[in-house]
C-alpha cells in the first residue's frame, strides 16, 4: 500500500493533541491510523444498516 504526500490544514489544538499522543512515534502516523479506523468504522456501520434494511424488508 503506497502513501501520498499531501498538505492539510488542521486546527492548532488538533495538531497539538496528536503530537502529544504520538509520544515517540510520528504524529502523522497516528493521524493516518485514526483516519483508517474511521473509514473501517464507517464500513461496519453501512454493512449493519444494510443487514437491518434486509431484515426489515423480509419481515
N, C-alpha and C. Protein backbone atom coordinates (compact mmCIF):
# COMPACT_ATOMS: atom_id res chain seq x y z
N UNK A 1 0.85 -1.17 0.00
CA UNK A 1 0.00 0.00 0.00
C UNK A 1 0.90 1.23 0.00
N UNK A 2 0.69 2.07 -0.98
CA UNK A 2 1.51 3.26 -1.11
C UNK A 2 1.03 4.41 -0.24
N UNK A 3 1.83 5.43 -0.22
CA UNK A 3 1.47 6.64 0.51
C UNK A 3 1.67 7.83 -0.41
N UNK A 4 0.86 8.86 -0.21
CA UNK A 4 0.92 10.07 -1.00
C UNK A 4 1.10 11.25 -0.06
N UNK A 5 2.05 12.10 -0.39
CA UNK A 5 2.28 13.31 0.40
C UNK A 5 1.18 14.32 0.07
N UNK A 6 0.57 14.88 1.12
CA UNK A 6 -0.47 15.90 0.93
C UNK A 6 -0.20 17.06 1.87
N UNK A 7 -0.93 18.13 1.65
CA UNK A 7 -0.94 19.27 2.57
C UNK A 7 -2.34 19.35 3.14
N UNK A 8 -2.44 19.49 4.46
CA UNK A 8 -3.75 19.55 5.11
C UNK A 8 -3.70 20.62 6.19
N UNK A 9 -4.79 21.34 6.33
CA UNK A 9 -4.90 22.35 7.39
C UNK A 9 -5.66 21.75 8.55
N UNK A 10 -5.04 21.76 9.72
CA UNK A 10 -5.65 21.24 10.95
C UNK A 10 -5.73 22.36 11.97
N UNK A 11 -6.72 22.28 12.83
CA UNK A 11 -6.78 23.22 13.95
C UNK A 11 -5.53 23.03 14.80
N UNK A 12 -5.01 24.13 15.35
CA UNK A 12 -3.82 24.05 16.20
C UNK A 12 -4.01 23.06 17.34
N UNK A 13 -5.19 23.08 17.96
CA UNK A 13 -5.45 22.19 19.10
C UNK A 13 -5.43 20.73 18.68
N UNK A 14 -5.94 20.44 17.48
CA UNK A 14 -5.93 19.06 16.98
C UNK A 14 -4.49 18.60 16.76
N UNK A 15 -3.70 19.42 16.12
CA UNK A 15 -2.31 19.06 15.86
C UNK A 15 -1.54 18.84 17.16
N UNK A 16 -1.72 19.75 18.11
CA UNK A 16 -1.02 19.60 19.39
C UNK A 16 -1.45 18.33 20.12
N UNK A 17 -2.73 18.00 20.05
CA UNK A 17 -3.22 16.78 20.71
C UNK A 17 -2.59 15.55 20.09
N UNK A 18 -2.50 15.50 18.77
CA UNK A 18 -1.89 14.34 18.11
C UNK A 18 -0.40 14.25 18.40
N UNK A 19 0.27 15.38 18.42
CA UNK A 19 1.70 15.36 18.75
C UNK A 19 1.91 14.86 20.17
N UNK A 20 1.04 15.27 21.10
CA UNK A 20 1.15 14.83 22.49
C UNK A 20 0.87 13.34 22.62
N UNK A 21 -0.13 12.85 21.91
CA UNK A 21 -0.48 11.42 21.97
C UNK A 21 0.56 10.54 21.30
N UNK A 22 1.22 11.06 20.29
CA UNK A 22 2.14 10.25 19.49
C UNK A 22 3.36 9.80 20.29
N UNK A 23 3.78 10.61 21.25
CA UNK A 23 4.97 10.25 22.01
C UNK A 23 6.16 10.11 21.08
N UNK A 24 6.81 8.95 21.10
CA UNK A 24 7.99 8.72 20.27
C UNK A 24 7.66 8.41 18.82
N UNK A 25 6.41 8.03 18.55
CA UNK A 25 6.01 7.74 17.17
C UNK A 25 5.72 9.05 16.45
N UNK A 26 5.61 8.98 15.16
CA UNK A 26 5.28 10.17 14.40
C UNK A 26 3.81 10.52 14.53
N UNK A 27 3.52 11.79 14.71
CA UNK A 27 2.12 12.20 14.85
C UNK A 27 1.36 12.00 13.54
N UNK A 28 2.05 12.09 12.40
CA UNK A 28 1.38 11.87 11.13
C UNK A 28 0.93 10.42 10.99
N UNK A 29 1.73 9.50 11.51
CA UNK A 29 1.35 8.09 11.52
C UNK A 29 0.10 7.89 12.36
N UNK A 30 0.04 8.56 13.49
CA UNK A 30 -1.13 8.46 14.37
C UNK A 30 -2.37 9.04 13.69
N UNK A 31 -2.23 10.15 13.01
CA UNK A 31 -3.36 10.74 12.28
C UNK A 31 -3.83 9.76 11.20
N UNK A 32 -2.90 9.15 10.47
CA UNK A 32 -3.25 8.19 9.42
C UNK A 32 -4.00 7.00 10.01
N UNK A 33 -3.53 6.48 11.15
CA UNK A 33 -4.21 5.35 11.79
C UNK A 33 -5.62 5.72 12.23
N UNK A 34 -5.79 6.94 12.74
CA UNK A 34 -7.11 7.40 13.16
C UNK A 34 -8.05 7.50 11.97
N UNK A 35 -7.57 8.04 10.87
CA UNK A 35 -8.39 8.13 9.66
C UNK A 35 -8.76 6.74 9.14
N UNK A 36 -7.80 5.82 9.17
CA UNK A 36 -8.06 4.45 8.72
C UNK A 36 -9.13 3.78 9.57
N UNK A 37 -9.04 3.95 10.90
CA UNK A 37 -10.06 3.38 11.80
C UNK A 37 -11.42 3.99 11.53
N UNK A 38 -11.46 5.28 11.26
CA UNK A 38 -12.72 5.94 10.95
C UNK A 38 -13.36 5.38 9.69
N UNK A 39 -12.55 5.13 8.68
CA UNK A 39 -13.08 4.53 7.44
C UNK A 39 -13.61 3.13 7.70
N UNK A 40 -12.89 2.35 8.49
CA UNK A 40 -13.33 0.99 8.80
C UNK A 40 -14.63 1.02 9.58
N UNK A 41 -14.75 1.95 10.53
CA UNK A 41 -15.97 2.06 11.32
C UNK A 41 -17.15 2.44 10.43
N UNK A 42 -16.92 3.33 9.47
CA UNK A 42 -17.98 3.71 8.53
C UNK A 42 -18.44 2.50 7.72
N UNK A 43 -17.50 1.66 7.30
CA UNK A 43 -17.84 0.47 6.52
C UNK A 43 -18.68 -0.49 7.36
N UNK A 44 -18.33 -0.65 8.63
CA UNK A 44 -19.09 -1.54 9.52
C UNK A 44 -20.50 -0.99 9.70
N UNK A 45 -20.62 0.31 9.92
CA UNK A 45 -21.94 0.93 10.10
C UNK A 45 -22.81 0.72 8.87
N UNK A 46 -22.23 0.91 7.69
CA UNK A 46 -23.00 0.74 6.47
C UNK A 46 -23.43 -0.71 6.28
N UNK A 47 -22.55 -1.65 6.59
CA UNK A 47 -22.91 -3.07 6.48
C UNK A 47 -24.04 -3.41 7.45
N UNK A 48 -23.98 -2.88 8.66
CA UNK A 48 -25.02 -3.12 9.65
C UNK A 48 -26.35 -2.53 9.18
N UNK A 49 -26.31 -1.33 8.63
CA UNK A 49 -27.54 -0.72 8.10
C UNK A 49 -28.15 -1.59 7.00
N UNK A 50 -27.31 -2.12 6.13
CA UNK A 50 -27.80 -2.96 5.05
C UNK A 50 -28.46 -4.23 5.58
N UNK A 51 -27.87 -4.85 6.59
CA UNK A 51 -28.45 -6.05 7.20
C UNK A 51 -29.80 -5.72 7.82
N UNK A 52 -29.87 -4.60 8.52
CA UNK A 52 -31.13 -4.19 9.16
C UNK A 52 -32.19 -3.94 8.10
N UNK A 53 -31.82 -3.25 7.01
CA UNK A 53 -32.77 -2.99 5.93
C UNK A 53 -33.30 -4.30 5.35
N UNK A 54 -32.40 -5.25 5.11
CA UNK A 54 -32.81 -6.54 4.56
C UNK A 54 -33.74 -7.28 5.51
N UNK A 55 -33.42 -7.25 6.80
CA UNK A 55 -34.26 -7.93 7.79
C UNK A 55 -35.64 -7.27 7.88
N UNK A 56 -35.69 -5.95 7.86
CA UNK A 56 -36.97 -5.25 7.93
C UNK A 56 -37.79 -5.50 6.66
N UNK A 57 -37.11 -5.57 5.54
CA UNK A 57 -37.80 -5.79 4.27
C UNK A 57 -38.40 -7.20 4.20
N UNK A 58 -37.69 -8.18 4.75
CA UNK A 58 -38.17 -9.57 4.69
C UNK A 58 -39.16 -9.90 5.80
N UNK A 59 -39.30 -9.01 6.78
CA UNK A 59 -40.22 -9.27 7.91
C UNK A 59 -41.66 -9.02 7.55
